[in-house]
Amino acid sequence: TLLDTQQSTVQGPSGRLDAWVYDQLKADNLKENQSSLIVPV
């Protein structure tokens, strides 16, 4: 399971920066929230 694209703000070298987070896992591991195809071929 992946989270939707999120916008965040971080403290960069010159101040606050807008950052976009893509393809972030819902869980911090590859054990939880595992899914399969409707027909798991």
ModelCIF file with pLDDT and N, C-alpha, C, O atoms, coordinates in Angstrom:
data_MODEL
#
_entry.id   MODEL 
#
_entity.id                         1 
_entity.type                       polymer 
_entity.pdbx_number_of_molecules   1 
#
_entity_poly.entity_id                      1 
_entity_poly.type                           'polypeptide(L)' 
_entity_poly.nstd_linkage                   no 
_entity_poly.nstd_monomer                   no 
_entity_poly.pdbx_seq_one_letter_code       TLLDTQQSTVQGPSGRLDAWVYDQLKADNLKENQSSLIVPV 
_entity_poly.pdbx_seq_one_letter_code_can   TLLDTQQSTVQGPSGRLDAWVYDQLKADNLKENQSSLIVPV 
_entity_poly.pdbx_strand_id                 A 
#
loop_
_entity_poly_seq.entity_id 
_entity_poly_seq.num 
_entity_poly_seq.mon_id 
_entity_poly_seq.hetero 
1 1  THR n 
1 2  LEU n 
1 3  LEU n 
1 4  ASP n 
1 5  THR n 
1 6  GLN n 
1 7  GLN n 
1 8  SER n 
1 9  THR n 
1 10 VAL n 
1 11 GLN n 
1 12 GLY n 
1 13 PRO n 
1 14 SER n 
1 15 GLY n 
1 16 ARG n 
1 17 LEU n 
1 18 ASP n 
1 19 ALA n 
1 20 TRP n 
1 21 VAL n 
1 22 TYR n 
1 23 ASP n 
1 24 GLN n 
1 25 LEU n 
1 26 LYS n 
1 27 ALA n 
1 28 ASP n 
1 29 ASN n 
1 30 LEU n 
1 31 LYS n 
1 32 GLU n 
1 33 ASN n 
1 34 GLN n 
1 35 SER n 
1 36 SER n 
1 37 LEU n 
1 38 ILE n 
1 39 VAL n 
1 40 PRO n 
1 41 VAL n 
#
_struct_asym.id          A 
_struct_asym.entity_id   1 
#
loop_
_ma_qa_metric.id 
_ma_qa_metric.mode 
_ma_qa_metric.name 
_ma_qa_metric.software_group_id 
_ma_qa_metric.type 
1 global pLDDT . pLDDT 
2 local  pLDDT . pLDDT 
#
_ma_qa_metric_global.metric_id      1 
_ma_qa_metric_global.metric_value   86.49 
_ma_qa_metric_global.model_id       1 
_ma_qa_metric_global.ordinal_id     1 
#
loop_
_ma_qa_metric_local.label_asym_id 
_ma_qa_metric_local.label_comp_id 
_ma_qa_metric_local.label_seq_id 
_ma_qa_metric_local.metric_id 
_ma_qa_metric_local.metric_value 
_ma_qa_metric_local.model_id 
_ma_qa_metric_local.ordinal_id 
A THR 1  2 93.00 1 1  
A LEU 2  2 93.00 1 2  
A LEU 3  2 91.00 1 3  
A ASP 4  2 89.00 1 4  
A THR 5  2 87.00 1 5  
A GLN 6  2 85.00 1 6  
A GLN 7  2 84.00 1 7  
A SER 8  2 83.00 1 8  
A THR 9  2 84.00 1 9  
A VAL 10 2 81.00 1 10 
A GLN 11 2 74.00 1 11 
A GLY 12 2 69.00 1 12 
A PRO 13 2 67.00 1 13 
A SER 14 2 67.00 1 14 
A GLY 15 2 72.00 1 15 
A ARG 16 2 77.00 1 16 
A LEU 17 2 78.00 1 17 
A ASP 18 2 81.00 1 18 
A ALA 19 2 79.00 1 19 
A TRP 20 2 82.00 1 20 
A VAL 21 2 87.00 1 21 
A TYR 22 2 87.00 1 22 
A ASP 23 2 90.00 1 23 
A GLN 24 2 91.00 1 24 
A LEU 25 2 93.00 1 25 
A LYS 26 2 92.00 1 26 
A ALA 27 2 90.00 1 27 
A ASP 28 2 89.00 1 28 
A ASN 29 2 91.00 1 29 
A LEU 30 2 92.00 1 30 
A LYS 31 2 89.00 1 31 
A GLU 32 2 90.00 1 32 
A ASN 33 2 91.00 1 33 
A GLN 34 2 92.00 1 34 
A SER 35 2 93.00 1 35 
A SER 36 2 94.00 1 36 
A LEU 37 2 95.00 1 37 
A ILE 38 2 95.00 1 38 
A VAL 39 2 96.00 1 39 
A PRO 40 2 96.00 1 40 
A VAL 41 2 97.00 1 41 
#
loop_
_atom_site.group_PDB 
_atom_site.id 
_atom_site.type_symbol 
_atom_site.label_atom_id 
_atom_site.label_alt_id 
_atom_site.label_comp_id 
_atom_site.label_asym_id 
_atom_site.label_entity_id 
_atom_site.label_seq_id 
_atom_site.pdbx_PDB_ins_code 
_atom_site.Cartn_x 
_atom_site.Cartn_y 
_atom_site.Cartn_z 
_atom_site.occupancy 
_atom_site.B_iso_or_equiv 
_atom_site.pdbx_formal_charge 
_atom_site.auth_seq_id 
_atom_site.auth_comp_id 
_atom_site.auth_asym_id 
_atom_site.auth_atom_id 
_atom_site.pdbx_PDB_model_num 
ATOM 1   N N  . THR A 1 1  ? 0.828  -1.205  0.000   1.00 93.00 ? 1  THR A N  1 
ATOM 2   C CA . THR A 1 1  ? 0.000  0.000   0.000   1.00 93.00 ? 1  THR A CA 1 
ATOM 3   C C  . THR A 1 1  ? 0.860  1.252   0.000   1.00 93.00 ? 1  THR A C  1 
ATOM 4   O O  . THR A 1 1  ? 1.747  1.410   0.839   1.00 93.00 ? 1  THR A O  1 
ATOM 5   N N  . LEU A 1 2  ? 0.589  2.138   -0.949  1.00 93.00 ? 2  LEU A N  1 
ATOM 6   C CA . LEU A 1 2  ? 1.286  3.410   -1.055  1.00 93.00 ? 2  LEU A CA 1 
ATOM 7   C C  . LEU A 1 2  ? 0.359  4.544   -0.656  1.00 93.00 ? 2  LEU A C  1 
ATOM 8   O O  . LEU A 1 2  ? -0.848 4.490   -0.892  1.00 93.00 ? 2  LEU A O  1 
ATOM 9   N N  . LEU A 1 3  ? 0.940  5.574   -0.047  1.00 91.00 ? 3  LEU A N  1 
ATOM 10  C CA . LEU A 1 3  ? 0.177  6.764   0.297   1.00 91.00 ? 3  LEU A CA 1 
ATOM 11  C C  . LEU A 1 3  ? 0.047  7.666   -0.923  1.00 91.00 ? 3  LEU A C  1 
ATOM 12  O O  . LEU A 1 3  ? 0.847  7.586   -1.855  1.00 91.00 ? 3  LEU A O  1 
ATOM 13  N N  . ASP A 1 4  ? -0.952 8.511   -0.909  1.00 89.00 ? 4  ASP A N  1 
ATOM 14  C CA . ASP A 1 4  ? -1.101 9.489   -1.978  1.00 89.00 ? 4  ASP A CA 1 
ATOM 15  C C  . ASP A 1 4  ? 0.058  10.477  -1.940  1.00 89.00 ? 4  ASP A C  1 
ATOM 16  O O  . ASP A 1 4  ? 0.689  10.662  -0.899  1.00 89.00 ? 4  ASP A O  1 
ATOM 17  N N  . THR A 1 5  ? 0.338  11.113  -3.082  1.00 87.00 ? 5  THR A N  1 
ATOM 18  C CA . THR A 1 5  ? 1.388  12.129  -3.138  1.00 87.00 ? 5  THR A CA 1 
ATOM 19  C C  . THR A 1 5  ? 1.081  13.238  -2.136  1.00 87.00 ? 5  THR A C  1 
ATOM 20  O O  . THR A 1 5  ? -0.035 13.754  -2.082  1.00 87.00 ? 5  THR A O  1 
ATOM 21  N N  . GLN A 1 6  ? 2.087  13.592  -1.349  1.00 85.00 ? 6  GLN A N  1 
ATOM 22  C CA . GLN A 1 6  ? 1.899  14.580  -0.295  1.00 85.00 ? 6  GLN A CA 1 
ATOM 23  C C  . GLN A 1 6  ? 2.860  15.743  -0.461  1.00 85.00 ? 6  GLN A C  1 
ATOM 24  O O  . GLN A 1 6  ? 3.986  15.574  -0.929  1.00 85.00 ? 6  GLN A O  1 
ATOM 25  N N  . GLN A 1 7  ? 2.402  16.924  -0.072  1.00 84.00 ? 7  GLN A N  1 
ATOM 26  C CA . GLN A 1 7  ? 3.254  18.101  -0.066  1.00 84.00 ? 7  GLN A CA 1 
ATOM 27  C C  . GLN A 1 7  ? 3.700  18.373  1.356   1.00 84.00 ? 7  GLN A C  1 
ATOM 28  O O  . GLN A 1 7  ? 2.904  18.301  2.292   1.00 84.00 ? 7  GLN A O  1 
ATOM 29  N N  . SER A 1 8  ? 4.978  18.687  1.512   1.00 83.00 ? 8  SER A N  1 
ATOM 30  C CA . SER A 1 8  ? 5.515  18.978  2.829   1.00 83.00 ? 8  SER A CA 1 
ATOM 31  C C  . SER A 1 8  ? 6.434  20.186  2.720   1.00 83.00 ? 8  SER A C  1 
ATOM 32  O O  . SER A 1 8  ? 6.764  20.629  1.620   1.00 83.00 ? 8  SER A O  1 
ATOM 33  N N  . THR A 1 9  ? 6.836  20.706  3.846   1.00 84.00 ? 9  THR A N  1 
ATOM 34  C CA . THR A 1 9  ? 7.768  21.837  3.886   1.00 84.00 ? 9  THR A CA 1 
ATOM 35  C C  . THR A 1 9  ? 8.918  21.469  4.795   1.00 84.00 ? 9  THR A C  1 
ATOM 36  O O  . THR A 1 9  ? 8.707  21.064  5.938   1.00 84.00 ? 9  THR A O  1 
ATOM 37  N N  . VAL A 1 10 ? 10.140 21.607  4.292   1.00 81.00 ? 10 VAL A N  1 
ATOM 38  C CA . VAL A 1 10 ? 11.333 21.238  5.060   1.00 81.00 ? 10 VAL A CA 1 
ATOM 39  C C  . VAL A 1 10 ? 12.258 22.437  5.184   1.00 81.00 ? 10 VAL A C  1 
ATOM 40  O O  . VAL A 1 10 ? 12.149 23.406  4.432   1.00 81.00 ? 10 VAL A O  1 
ATOM 41  N N  . GLN A 1 11 ? 13.164 22.357  6.139   1.00 74.00 ? 11 GLN A N  1 
ATOM 42  C CA . GLN A 1 11 ? 14.142 23.417  6.353   1.00 74.00 ? 11 GLN A CA 1 
ATOM 43  C C  . GLN A 1 11 ? 15.372 23.152  5.504   1.00 74.00 ? 11 GLN A C  1 
ATOM 44  O O  . GLN A 1 11 ? 16.192 22.298  5.843   1.00 74.00 ? 11 GLN A O  1 
ATOM 45  N N  . GLY A 1 12 ? 15.507 23.884  4.392   1.00 69.00 ? 12 GLY A N  1 
ATOM 46  C CA . GLY A 1 12 ? 16.644 23.718  3.504   1.00 69.00 ? 12 GLY A CA 1 
ATOM 47  C C  . GLY A 1 12 ? 17.783 24.654  3.838   1.00 69.00 ? 12 GLY A C  1 
ATOM 48  O O  . GLY A 1 12 ? 17.707 25.379  4.830   1.00 69.00 ? 12 GLY A O  1 
ATOM 49  N N  . PRO A 1 13 ? 18.857 24.661  3.025   1.00 67.00 ? 13 PRO A N  1 
ATOM 50  C CA . PRO A 1 13 ? 20.021 25.510  3.287   1.00 67.00 ? 13 PRO A CA 1 
ATOM 51  C C  . PRO A 1 13 ? 19.680 26.993  3.306   1.00 67.00 ? 13 PRO A C  1 
ATOM 52  O O  . PRO A 1 13 ? 20.325 27.768  4.012   1.00 67.00 ? 13 PRO A O  1 
ATOM 53  N N  . SER A 1 14 ? 18.654 27.400  2.524   1.00 67.00 ? 14 SER A N  1 
ATOM 54  C CA . SER A 1 14 ? 18.326 28.816  2.422   1.00 67.00 ? 14 SER A CA 1 
ATOM 55  C C  . SER A 1 14 ? 17.005 29.158  3.082   1.00 67.00 ? 14 SER A C  1 
ATOM 56  O O  . SER A 1 14 ? 16.513 30.275  2.923   1.00 67.00 ? 14 SER A O  1 
ATOM 57  N N  . GLY A 1 15 ? 16.428 28.243  3.805   1.00 72.00 ? 15 GLY A N  1 
ATOM 58  C CA . GLY A 1 15 ? 15.146 28.501  4.432   1.00 72.00 ? 15 GLY A CA 1 
ATOM 59  C C  . GLY A 1 15 ? 14.185 27.358  4.188   1.00 72.00 ? 15 GLY A C  1 
ATOM 60  O O  . GLY A 1 15 ? 14.595 26.240  3.877   1.00 72.00 ? 15 GLY A O  1 
ATOM 61  N N  . ARG A 1 16 ? 12.923 27.642  4.330   1.00 77.00 ? 16 ARG A N  1 
ATOM 62  C CA . ARG A 1 16 ? 11.901 26.624  4.159   1.00 77.00 ? 16 ARG A CA 1 
ATOM 63  C C  . ARG A 1 16 ? 11.683 26.315  2.691   1.00 77.00 ? 16 ARG A C  1 
ATOM 64  O O  . ARG A 1 16 ? 11.594 27.224  1.865   1.00 77.00 ? 16 ARG A O  1 
ATOM 65  N N  . LEU A 1 17 ? 11.595 25.023  2.361   1.00 78.00 ? 17 LEU A N  1 
ATOM 66  C CA . LEU A 1 17 ? 11.425 24.571  0.981   1.00 78.00 ? 17 LEU A CA 1 
ATOM 67  C C  . LEU A 1 17 ? 10.170 23.716  0.857   1.00 78.00 ? 17 LEU A C  1 
ATOM 68  O O  . LEU A 1 17 ? 9.851  22.918  1.738   1.00 78.00 ? 17 LEU A O  1 
ATOM 69  N N  . ASP A 1 18 ? 9.470  23.900  -0.254  1.00 81.00 ? 18 ASP A N  1 
ATOM 70  C CA . ASP A 1 18 ? 8.362  23.010  -0.558  1.00 81.00 ? 18 ASP A CA 1 
ATOM 71  C C  . ASP A 1 18 ? 8.917  21.689  -1.076  1.00 81.00 ? 18 ASP A C  1 
ATOM 72  O O  . ASP A 1 18 ? 9.815  21.684  -1.918  1.00 81.00 ? 18 ASP A O  1 
ATOM 73  N N  . ALA A 1 19 ? 8.395  20.579  -0.587  1.00 79.00 ? 19 ALA A N  1 
ATOM 74  C CA . ALA A 1 19 ? 8.851  19.260  -1.018  1.00 79.00 ? 19 ALA A CA 1 
ATOM 75  C C  . ALA A 1 19 ? 7.637  18.381  -1.292  1.00 79.00 ? 19 ALA A C  1 
ATOM 76  O O  . ALA A 1 19 ? 6.627  18.450  -0.591  1.00 79.00 ? 19 ALA A O  1 
ATOM 77  N N  . TRP A 1 20 ? 7.757  17.564  -2.316  1.00 82.00 ? 20 TRP A N  1 
ATOM 78  C CA . TRP A 1 20 ? 6.694  16.625  -2.672  1.00 82.00 ? 20 TRP A CA 1 
ATOM 79  C C  . TRP A 1 20 ? 7.182  15.215  -2.400  1.00 82.00 ? 20 TRP A C  1 
ATOM 80  O O  . TRP A 1 20 ? 8.303  14.856  -2.759  1.00 82.00 ? 20 TRP A O  1 
ATOM 81  N N  . VAL A 1 21 ? 6.346  14.428  -1.772  1.00 87.00 ? 21 VAL A N  1 
ATOM 82  C CA . VAL A 1 21 ? 6.694  13.056  -1.403  1.00 87.00 ? 21 VAL A CA 1 
ATOM 83  C C  . VAL A 1 21 ? 5.873  12.106  -2.265  1.00 87.00 ? 21 VAL A C  1 
ATOM 84  O O  . VAL A 1 21 ? 4.644  12.085  -2.194  1.00 87.00 ? 21 VAL A O  1 
ATOM 85  N N  . TYR A 1 22 ? 6.576  11.319  -3.082  1.00 87.00 ? 22 TYR A N  1 
ATOM 86  C CA . TYR A 1 22 ? 5.921  10.384  -3.995  1.00 87.00 ? 22 TYR A CA 1 
ATOM 87  C C  . TYR A 1 22 ? 6.156  8.946   -3.533  1.00 87.00 ? 22 TYR A C  1 
ATOM 88  O O  . TYR A 1 22 ? 7.189  8.638   -2.939  1.00 87.00 ? 22 TYR A O  1 
ATOM 89  N N  . ASP A 1 23 ? 5.209  8.090   -3.806  1.00 90.00 ? 23 ASP A N  1 
ATOM 90  C CA . ASP A 1 23 ? 5.362  6.641   -3.642  1.00 90.00 ? 23 ASP A CA 1 
ATOM 91  C C  . ASP A 1 23 ? 5.883  6.256   -2.259  1.00 90.00 ? 23 ASP A C  1 
ATOM 92  O O  . ASP A 1 23 ? 6.768  5.410   -2.133  1.00 90.00 ? 23 ASP A O  1 
ATOM 93  N N  . GLN A 1 24 ? 5.331  6.880   -1.236  1.00 91.00 ? 24 GLN A N  1 
ATOM 94  C CA . GLN A 1 24 ? 5.726  6.527   0.129   1.00 91.00 ? 24 GLN A CA 1 
ATOM 95  C C  . GLN A 1 24 ? 4.860  5.381   0.632   1.00 91.00 ? 24 GLN A C  1 
ATOM 96  O O  . GLN A 1 24 ? 3.639  5.389   0.473   1.00 91.00 ? 24 GLN A O  1 
ATOM 97  N N  . LEU A 1 25 ? 5.512  4.397   1.241   1.00 93.00 ? 25 LEU A N  1 
ATOM 98  C CA . LEU A 1 25 ? 4.792  3.256   1.781   1.00 93.00 ? 25 LEU A CA 1 
ATOM 99  C C  . LEU A 1 25 ? 3.966  3.660   2.993   1.00 93.00 ? 25 LEU A C  1 
ATOM 100 O O  . LEU A 1 25 ? 4.356  4.541   3.759   1.00 93.00 ? 25 LEU A O  1 
ATOM 101 N N  . LYS A 1 26 ? 2.829  3.012   3.156   1.00 92.00 ? 26 LYS A N  1 
ATOM 102 C CA . LYS A 1 26 ? 2.008  3.254   4.329   1.00 92.00 ? 26 LYS A CA 1 
ATOM 103 C C  . LYS A 1 26 ? 2.712  2.727   5.572   1.00 92.00 ? 26 LYS A C  1 
ATOM 104 O O  . LYS A 1 26 ? 2.651  3.355   6.630   1.00 92.00 ? 26 LYS A O  1 
ATOM 105 N N  . ALA A 1 27 ? 3.376  1.587   5.458   1.00 90.00 ? 27 ALA A N  1 
ATOM 106 C CA . ALA A 1 27 ? 4.132  0.998   6.565   1.00 90.00 ? 27 ALA A CA 1 
ATOM 107 C C  . ALA A 1 27 ? 5.620  1.083   6.250   1.00 90.00 ? 27 ALA A C  1 
ATOM 108 O O  . ALA A 1 27 ? 6.018  1.105   5.085   1.00 90.00 ? 27 ALA A O  1 
ATOM 109 N N  . ASP A 1 28 ? 6.430  1.131   7.289   1.00 89.00 ? 28 ASP A N  1 
ATOM 110 C CA . ASP A 1 28 ? 7.874  1.234   7.094   1.00 89.00 ? 28 ASP A CA 1 
ATOM 111 C C  . ASP A 1 28 ? 8.510  -0.150  6.989   1.00 89.00 ? 28 ASP A C  1 
ATOM 112 O O  . ASP A 1 28 ? 9.512  -0.417  7.653   1.00 89.00 ? 28 ASP A O  1 
ATOM 113 N N  . ASN A 1 29 ? 7.955  -1.015  6.180   1.00 91.00 ? 29 ASN A N  1 
ATOM 114 C CA . ASN A 1 29 ? 8.547  -2.333  5.989   1.00 91.00 ? 29 ASN A CA 1 
ATOM 115 C C  . ASN A 1 29 ? 7.872  -2.992  4.798   1.00 91.00 ? 29 ASN A C  1 
ATOM 116 O O  . ASN A 1 29 ? 6.889  -2.480  4.261   1.00 91.00 ? 29 ASN A O  1 
ATOM 117 N N  . LEU A 1 30 ? 8.413  -4.136  4.393   1.00 92.00 ? 30 LEU A N  1 
ATOM 118 C CA . LEU A 1 30 ? 7.840  -4.897  3.291   1.00 92.00 ? 30 LEU A CA 1 
ATOM 119 C C  . LEU A 1 30 ? 7.199  -6.183  3.809   1.00 92.00 ? 30 LEU A C  1 
ATOM 120 O O  . LEU A 1 30 ? 7.317  -7.249  3.204   1.00 92.00 ? 30 LEU A O  1 
ATOM 121 N N  . LYS A 1 31 ? 6.522  -6.050  4.939   1.00 89.00 ? 31 LYS A N  1 
ATOM 122 C CA . LYS A 1 31 ? 5.797  -7.178  5.513   1.00 89.00 ? 31 LYS A CA 1 
ATOM 123 C C  . LYS A 1 31 ? 4.318  -6.854  5.653   1.00 89.00 ? 31 LYS A C  1 
ATOM 124 O O  . LYS A 1 31 ? 3.464  -7.700  5.388   1.00 89.00 ? 31 LYS A O  1 
ATOM 125 N N  . GLU A 1 32 ? 4.015  -5.627  6.072   1.00 90.00 ? 32 GLU A N  1 
ATOM 126 C CA . GLU A 1 32 ? 2.631  -5.240  6.292   1.00 90.00 ? 32 GLU A CA 1 
ATOM 127 C C  . GLU A 1 32 ? 1.996  -4.721  4.999   1.00 90.00 ? 32 GLU A C  1 
ATOM 128 O O  . GLU A 1 32 ? 2.683  -4.342  4.050   1.00 90.00 ? 32 GLU A O  1 
ATOM 129 N N  . ASN A 1 33 ? 0.678  -4.718  4.999   1.00 91.00 ? 33 ASN A N  1 
ATOM 130 C CA . ASN A 1 33 ? -0.122 -4.137  3.908   1.00 91.00 ? 33 ASN A CA 1 
ATOM 131 C C  . ASN A 1 33 ? 0.226  -4.732  2.542   1.00 91.00 ? 33 ASN A C  1 
ATOM 132 O O  . ASN A 1 33 ? 0.203  -4.034  1.528   1.00 91.00 ? 33 ASN A O  1 
ATOM 133 N N  . GLN A 1 34 ? 0.545  -6.015  2.526   1.00 92.00 ? 34 GLN A N  1 
ATOM 134 C CA . GLN A 1 34 ? 0.829  -6.671  1.254   1.00 92.00 ? 34 GLN A CA 1 
ATOM 135 C C  . GLN A 1 34 ? -0.476 -7.035  0.563   1.00 92.00 ? 34 GLN A C  1 
ATOM 136 O O  . GLN A 1 34 ? -1.415 -7.499  1.210   1.00 92.00 ? 34 GLN A O  1 
ATOM 137 N N  . SER A 1 35 ? -0.539 -6.830  -0.731  1.00 93.00 ? 35 SER A N  1 
ATOM 138 C CA . SER A 1 35 ? -1.741 -7.137  -1.494  1.00 93.00 ? 35 SER A CA 1 
ATOM 139 C C  . SER A 1 35 ? -1.366 -7.987  -2.698  1.00 93.00 ? 35 SER A C  1 
ATOM 140 O O  . SER A 1 35 ? -0.186 -8.231  -2.953  1.00 93.00 ? 35 SER A O  1 
ATOM 141 N N  . SER A 1 36 ? -2.361 -8.431  -3.427  1.00 94.00 ? 36 SER A N  1 
ATOM 142 C CA . SER A 1 36 ? -2.120 -9.232  -4.621  1.00 94.00 ? 36 SER A CA 1 
ATOM 143 C C  . SER A 1 36 ? -3.115 -8.827  -5.689  1.00 94.00 ? 36 SER A C  1 
ATOM 144 O O  . SER A 1 36 ? -4.047 -8.067  -5.428  1.00 94.00 ? 36 SER A O  1 
ATOM 145 N N  . LEU A 1 37 ? -2.912 -9.335  -6.886  1.00 95.00 ? 37 LEU A N  1 
ATOM 146 C CA . LEU A 1 37 ? -3.858 -9.101  -7.956  1.00 95.00 ? 37 LEU A CA 1 
ATOM 147 C C  . LEU A 1 37 ? -5.205 -9.752  -7.616  1.00 95.00 ? 37 LEU A C  1 
ATOM 148 O O  . LEU A 1 37 ? -5.272 -10.666 -6.795  1.00 95.00 ? 37 LEU A O  1 
ATOM 149 N N  . ILE A 1 38 ? -6.276 -9.267  -8.258  1.00 95.00 ? 38 ILE A N  1 
ATOM 150 C CA . ILE A 1 38 ? -7.596 -9.871  -8.024  1.00 95.00 ? 38 ILE A CA 1 
ATOM 151 C C  . ILE A 1 38 ? -7.547 -11.368 -8.326  1.00 95.00 ? 38 ILE A C  1 
ATOM 152 O O  . ILE A 1 38 ? -8.093 -12.183 -7.582  1.00 95.00 ? 38 ILE A O  1 
ATOM 153 N N  . VAL A 1 39 ? -6.893 -11.710 -9.416  1.00 96.00 ? 39 VAL A N  1 
ATOM 154 C CA . VAL A 1 39 ? -6.582 -13.112 -9.715  1.00 96.00 ? 39 VAL A CA 1 
ATOM 155 C C  . VAL A 1 39 ? -5.064 -13.246 -9.579  1.00 96.00 ? 39 VAL A C  1 
ATOM 156 O O  . VAL A 1 39 ? -4.343 -12.824 -10.483 1.00 96.00 ? 39 VAL A O  1 
ATOM 157 N N  . PRO A 1 40 ? -4.555 -13.813 -8.490  1.00 96.00 ? 40 PRO A N  1 
ATOM 158 C CA . PRO A 1 40 ? -3.111 -13.790 -8.196  1.00 96.00 ? 40 PRO A CA 1 
ATOM 159 C C  . PRO A 1 40 ? -2.300 -14.734 -9.083  1.00 96.00 ? 40 PRO A C  1 
ATOM 160 O O  . PRO A 1 40 ? -1.739 -15.720 -8.604  1.00 96.00 ? 40 PRO A O  1 
ATOM 161 N N  . VAL A 1 41 ? -2.243 -14.428 -10.358 1.00 97.00 ? 41 VAL A N  1 
ATOM 162 C CA . VAL A 1 41 ? -1.558 -15.311 -11.299 1.00 97.00 ? 41 VAL A CA 1 
ATOM 163 C C  . VAL A 1 41 ? -0.053 -15.360 -11.060 1.00 97.00 ? 41 VAL A C  1 
ATOM 164 O O  . VAL A 1 41 ? 0.663  -16.062 -11.773 1.00 97.00 ? 41 VAL A O  1 
#
